[in-house]
Amino acid sequence: MNLQYINDSQGNPTGVFIPIEDWKKLEKKYQINDNSDLFQLSDLQKKNLDERIKSDKKDFIPARKALDKLRQKHGL
């Protein structure tokens, strides 16, 4: 197996590249499946996220406005 290590700017290993043919052998040997469905959100989770996003947009205050409010509140 011809692995290639990926290092950060300080030389610390951060990842590894496995050639696809070697990966296919590992998948078969260790019965690794592509479980992309494993990461699917339920309809309830999607609904909750949509509601949260709408709420965040509704309640959003730009940074400058928030800073002004804090300054007024605390007399700064």
Protein backbone atom coordinates (compact mmCIF):
# COMPACT_ATOMS: atom_id res chain seq x y z
CA MET A 1 0.00 0.00 0.00
CA ASN A 2 1.43 3.34 -1.10
CA LEU A 3 0.13 5.84 1.48
CA GLN A 4 0.82 9.55 1.23
CA TYR A 5 0.79 11.53 4.45
CA ILE A 6 -0.51 15.07 4.55
CA ASN A 7 1.27 17.42 6.95
CA ASP A 8 0.45 20.90 8.21
CA SER A 9 2.87 23.83 7.92
CA GLN A 10 4.68 22.64 11.06
CA GLY A 11 5.21 19.12 9.75
CA ASN A 12 2.54 17.47 11.88
CA PRO A 13 0.56 14.74 10.11
CA THR A 14 -3.05 15.82 9.55
CA GLY A 15 -4.29 13.24 7.07
CA VAL A 16 -3.48 10.40 4.77
CA PHE A 17 -4.16 9.72 1.11
CA ILE A 18 -5.02 6.11 0.25
CA PRO A 19 -4.98 5.14 -3.43
CA ILE A 20 -8.49 4.14 -4.57
CA GLU A 21 -7.56 0.53 -5.40
CA ASP A 22 -6.16 0.07 -1.89
CA TRP A 23 -9.27 1.69 -0.44
CA LYS A 24 -11.53 -0.70 -2.38
CA LYS A 25 -9.59 -3.64 -0.95
CA LEU A 26 -9.99 -2.26 2.58
CA GLU A 27 -13.72 -1.70 2.01
CA LYS A 28 -14.15 -5.29 0.93
CA LYS A 29 -11.93 -6.77 3.66
CA TYR A 30 -13.53 -4.81 6.52
CA GLN A 31 -17.03 -4.61 5.00
CA ILE A 32 -17.02 -0.82 4.89
CA ASN A 33 -20.21 0.43 3.27
CA ASP A 34 -21.10 3.83 1.94
CA ASN A 35 -23.84 4.68 4.40
CA SER A 36 -24.73 8.06 2.95
CA ASP A 37 -28.29 7.54 4.24
CA LEU A 38 -26.80 7.40 7.73
CA PHE A 39 -26.37 11.18 7.65
CA GLN A 40 -29.86 12.07 6.41
CA LEU A 41 -31.93 14.33 8.62
CA SER A 42 -35.46 13.36 9.54
CA ASP A 43 -38.35 15.58 8.44
CA LEU A 44 -38.74 16.77 12.04
CA GLN A 45 -35.05 17.74 12.21
CA LYS A 46 -35.35 19.61 8.90
CA LYS A 47 -38.46 21.42 10.13
CA ASN A 48 -36.71 22.40 13.38
CA LEU A 49 -33.69 23.72 11.48
CA ASP A 50 -35.91 25.72 9.12
CA GLU A 51 -37.74 27.26 12.08
CA ARG A 52 -34.44 28.09 13.78
CA ILE A 53 -33.09 29.77 10.65
CA LYS A 54 -36.27 31.87 10.29
CA SER A 55 -36.08 32.81 13.96
CA ASP A 56 -32.42 33.79 13.69
CA LYS A 57 -33.15 36.00 10.69
CA LYS A 58 -36.09 37.64 12.47
CA ASP A 59 -34.13 38.29 15.67
CA PHE A 60 -30.87 39.25 13.95
CA ILE A 61 -29.31 42.53 15.04
CA PRO A 62 -26.35 43.92 13.09
CA ALA A 63 -23.16 44.18 15.15
CA ARG A 64 -23.05 47.98 15.11
CA LYS A 65 -26.65 48.25 16.31
CA ALA A 66 -25.99 45.71 19.07
CA LEU A 67 -22.88 47.64 20.13
CA ASP A 68 -24.84 50.89 20.21
CA LYS A 69 -27.52 49.29 22.39
CA LEU A 70 -24.88 47.95 24.78
CA ARG A 71 -23.22 51.37 24.98
CA GLN A 72 -26.56 53.07 25.71
CA LYS A 73 -27.51 50.47 28.32
CA HIS A 74 -24.19 50.73 30.15
CA GLY A 75 -23.56 54.41 29.58
CA LEU A 76 -20.41 53.95 27.54
